[in-house]
Amino acid sequence: MGSVIGHEMTHGFDDQGSQFDSTGNLANWWSEADLKSFKERAQCVIDQFNSFEVEKGLNQNGKLVAGESIADLGGLVVAYAAFQKAMEGKPRVDIDGFAPEQRFFLGLCTRLGH
């Protein structure tokens, strides 16, 4: 659930949501340095998805999936931070040979339908 909530929150800062201010108006509210950094990092996501070959000779268009990809990554970051906080001071228990961190990521894959 944490990754879903984090995903939706991150849409406010993805390639589309980042263009609107706190009152919902289309406006640049970023500093020049922050906007430059965001665009560089977003381009990394776009480039990564551009490299995914869907079938022989056909690659995914990273720009078309940038918003959802950025939101998925943001959701993962929020959920994993919450997981780490929740695990503080608790015993680490392997279940079926999987460490808690491994089970976290297996659960995320299940949510994403992979």
C-alpha atoms as a PDB file:
ATOM      1  CA  MET A   1       0.000   0.000   0.000  1.00  0.00           C
ATOM      2  CA  GLY A   2       2.911   2.326   0.730  1.00  0.00           C
ATOM      3  CA  SER A   3       4.139   2.109  -2.842  1.00  0.00           C
ATOM      4  CA  VAL A   4       0.651   2.936  -4.166  1.00  0.00           C
ATOM      5  CA  ILE A   5       0.365   6.001  -1.929  1.00  0.00           C
ATOM      6  CA  GLY A   6       3.938   7.049  -2.744  1.00  0.00           C
ATOM      7  CA  HIS A   7       3.250   6.545  -6.452  1.00  0.00           C
ATOM      8  CA  GLU A   8       0.221   8.836  -6.376  1.00  0.00           C
ATOM      9  CA  MET A   9       2.038  11.458  -4.297  1.00  0.00           C
ATOM     10  CA  THR A  10       4.945  11.439  -6.737  1.00  0.00           C
ATOM     11  CA  HIS A  11       2.631  12.311  -9.640  1.00  0.00           C
ATOM     12  CA  GLY A  12       2.649  15.829  -8.189  1.00  0.00           C
ATOM     13  CA  PHE A  13       6.342  15.956  -9.055  1.00  0.00           C
ATOM     14  CA  ASP A  14       6.552  13.953 -12.282  1.00  0.00           C
ATOM     15  CA  ASP A  15       6.965  15.317 -15.818  1.00  0.00           C
ATOM     16  CA  GLN A  16       3.355  16.582 -15.832  1.00  0.00           C
ATOM     17  CA  GLY A  17       2.488  17.366 -12.206  1.00  0.00           C
ATOM     18  CA  SER A  18       5.704  19.320 -11.681  1.00  0.00           C
ATOM     19  CA  GLN A  19       4.407  21.960 -14.082  1.00  0.00           C
ATOM     20  CA  PHE A  20       1.575  23.050 -11.759  1.00  0.00           C
ATOM     21  CA  ASP A  21       1.865  25.146  -8.612  1.00  0.00           C
ATOM     22  CA  SER A  22       0.233  24.517  -5.216  1.00  0.00           C
ATOM     23  CA  THR A  23      -3.082  26.019  -6.358  1.00  0.00           C
ATOM     24  CA  GLY A  24      -3.231  23.947  -9.541  1.00  0.00           C
ATOM     25  CA  ASN A  25      -2.174  26.687 -11.938  1.00  0.00           C
ATOM     26  CA  LEU A  26       0.217  25.986 -14.775  1.00  0.00           C
ATOM     27  CA  ALA A  27       3.309  27.785 -13.482  1.00  0.00           C
ATOM     28  CA  ASN A  28       7.011  27.149 -12.999  1.00  0.00           C
ATOM     29  CA  TRP A  29       7.565  27.067  -9.239  1.00  0.00           C
ATOM     30  CA  TRP A  30      11.002  25.437  -9.378  1.00  0.00           C
ATOM     31  CA  SER A  31      14.309  27.248  -8.927  1.00  0.00           C
ATOM     32  CA  GLU A  32      16.488  27.153 -12.044  1.00  0.00           C
ATOM     33  CA  ALA A  33      18.889  24.732 -10.354  1.00  0.00           C
ATOM     34  CA  ASP A  34      16.099  22.411  -9.167  1.00  0.00           C
ATOM     35  CA  LEU A  35      14.407  22.382 -12.582  1.00  0.00           C
ATOM     36  CA  LYS A  36      17.727  21.618 -14.293  1.00  0.00           C
ATOM     37  CA  SER A  37      18.394  18.772 -11.838  1.00  0.00           C
ATOM     38  CA  PHE A  38      14.867  17.387 -12.262  1.00  0.00           C
ATOM     39  CA  LYS A  39      15.158  17.418 -16.067  1.00  0.00           C
ATOM     40  CA  GLU A  40      18.531  15.653 -15.915  1.00  0.00           C
ATOM     41  CA  ARG A  41      17.182  12.956 -13.601  1.00  0.00           C
ATOM     42  CA  ALA A  42      13.983  12.568 -15.617  1.00  0.00           C
ATOM     43  CA  GLN A  43      16.108  12.145 -18.742  1.00  0.00           C
ATOM     44  CA  CYS A  44      17.939   9.270 -17.022  1.00  0.00           C
ATOM     45  CA  VAL A  45      14.580   7.516 -16.522  1.00  0.00           C
ATOM     46  CA  ILE A  46      13.584   8.242 -20.128  1.00  0.00           C
ATOM     47  CA  ASP A  47      16.922   6.920 -21.423  1.00  0.00           C
ATOM     48  CA  GLN A  48      16.605   3.758 -19.338  1.00  0.00           C
ATOM     49  CA  PHE A  49      13.146   3.010 -20.691  1.00  0.00           C
ATOM     50  CA  ASN A  50      14.251   3.874 -24.241  1.00  0.00           C
ATOM     51  CA  SER A  51      16.773   1.038 -23.897  1.00  0.00           C
ATOM     52  CA  PHE A  52      14.113  -1.602 -23.146  1.00  0.00           C
ATOM     53  CA  GLU A  53      13.535  -3.740 -26.214  1.00  0.00           C
ATOM     54  CA  VAL A  54       9.879  -4.770 -26.387  1.00  0.00           C
ATOM     55  CA  GLU A  55      10.546  -7.113 -29.283  1.00  0.00           C
ATOM     56  CA  LYS A  56      13.395  -7.493 -31.727  1.00  0.00           C
ATOM     57  CA  GLY A  57      14.107  -4.061 -33.202  1.00  0.00           C
ATOM     58  CA  LEU A  58      11.340  -2.272 -31.259  1.00  0.00           C
ATOM     59  CA  ASN A  59      12.216  -0.274 -28.170  1.00  0.00           C
ATOM     60  CA  GLN A  60       9.923   1.326 -25.658  1.00  0.00           C
ATOM     61  CA  ASN A  61       9.437   5.109 -25.902  1.00  0.00           C
ATOM     62  CA  GLY A  62      10.712   6.382 -22.558  1.00  0.00           C
ATOM     63  CA  LYS A  63       9.163   9.833 -22.966  1.00  0.00           C
ATOM     64  CA  LEU A  64       5.687   8.294 -23.236  1.00  0.00           C
ATOM     65  CA  VAL A  65       6.048   6.401 -19.945  1.00  0.00           C
ATOM     66  CA  ALA A  66       8.094   8.995 -18.019  1.00  0.00           C
ATOM     67  CA  GLY A  67       5.284  10.081 -15.686  1.00  0.00           C
ATOM     68  CA  GLU A  68       4.319   6.569 -14.635  1.00  0.00           C
ATOM     69  CA  SER A  69       7.959   5.474 -14.404  1.00  0.00           C
ATOM     70  CA  ILE A  70       8.901   8.442 -12.216  1.00  0.00           C
ATOM     71  CA  ALA A  71       5.840   7.801 -10.024  1.00  0.00           C
ATOM     72  CA  ASP A  72       6.708   4.089  -9.720  1.00  0.00           C
ATOM     73  CA  LEU A  73      10.236   4.975  -8.624  1.00  0.00           C
ATOM     74  CA  GLY A  74       8.946   7.583  -6.173  1.00  0.00           C
ATOM     75  CA  GLY A  75       6.473   5.094  -4.741  1.00  0.00           C
ATOM     76  CA  LEU A  76       9.251   2.572  -4.281  1.00  0.00           C
ATOM     77  CA  VAL A  77      11.464   5.098  -2.482  1.00  0.00           C
ATOM     78  CA  VAL A  78       8.663   6.131  -0.094  1.00  0.00           C
ATOM     79  CA  ALA A  79       7.593   2.554   0.624  1.00  0.00           C
ATOM     80  CA  TYR A  80      11.142   1.293   1.151  1.00  0.00           C
ATOM     81  CA  ALA A  81      11.934   4.159   3.539  1.00  0.00           C
ATOM     82  CA  ALA A  82       8.793   3.283   5.512  1.00  0.00           C
ATOM     83  CA  PHE A  83       9.761  -0.403   5.484  1.00  0.00           C
ATOM     84  CA  GLN A  84      13.236   0.386   6.804  1.00  0.00           C
ATOM     85  CA  LYS A  85      11.758   2.586   9.541  1.00  0.00           C
ATOM     86  CA  ALA A  86       9.288  -0.138  10.499  1.00  0.00           C
ATOM     87  CA  MET A  87      12.106  -2.708  10.722  1.00  0.00           C
ATOM     88  CA  GLU A  88      14.234  -0.633  13.123  1.00  0.00           C
ATOM     89  CA  GLY A  89      14.965  -2.604  16.287  1.00  0.00           C
ATOM     90  CA  LYS A  90      13.048  -5.677  15.124  1.00  0.00           C
ATOM     91  CA  PRO A  91      14.595  -9.098  14.635  1.00  0.00           C
ATOM     92  CA  ARG A  92      15.467 -10.036  11.078  1.00  0.00           C
ATOM     93  CA  VAL A  93      13.658 -13.241  10.200  1.00  0.00           C
ATOM     94  CA  ASP A  94      14.151 -15.137   6.959  1.00  0.00           C
ATOM     95  CA  ILE A  95      11.016 -16.831   5.654  1.00  0.00           C
ATOM     96  CA  ASP A  96      11.317 -19.548   3.011  1.00  0.00           C
ATOM     97  CA  GLY A  97      14.941 -18.480   2.563  1.00  0.00           C
ATOM     98  CA  PHE A  98      14.076 -14.835   1.847  1.00  0.00           C
ATOM     99  CA  ALA A  99      15.348 -11.925   3.937  1.00  0.00           C
ATOM    100  CA  PRO A 100      12.876  -9.152   4.857  1.00  0.00           C
ATOM    101  CA  GLU A 101      14.275  -6.862   2.136  1.00  0.00           C
ATOM    102  CA  GLN A 102      13.891  -9.583  -0.475  1.00  0.00           C
ATOM    103  CA  ARG A 103      10.279 -10.168   0.567  1.00  0.00           C
ATOM    104  CA  PHE A 104       9.649  -6.417   0.315  1.00  0.00           C
ATOM    105  CA  PHE A 105      10.769  -6.385  -3.316  1.00  0.00           C
ATOM    106  CA  LEU A 106       8.945  -9.624  -4.149  1.00  0.00           C
ATOM    107  CA  GLY A 107       5.781  -8.038  -2.756  1.00  0.00           C
ATOM    108  CA  LEU A 108       6.362  -4.942  -4.861  1.00  0.00           C
ATOM    109  CA  CYS A 109       6.710  -7.073  -8.001  1.00  0.00           C
ATOM    110  CA  THR A 110       3.414  -8.727  -7.183  1.00  0.00           C
ATOM    111  CA  ARG A 111       1.730  -5.311  -6.876  1.00  0.00           C
ATOM    112  CA  LEU A 112       3.177  -4.156 -10.182  1.00  0.00           C
ATOM    113  CA  GLY A 113       1.961  -7.321 -11.864  1.00  0.00           C
ATOM    114  CA  HIS A 114       5.362  -8.573 -12.965  1.00  0.00           C
END
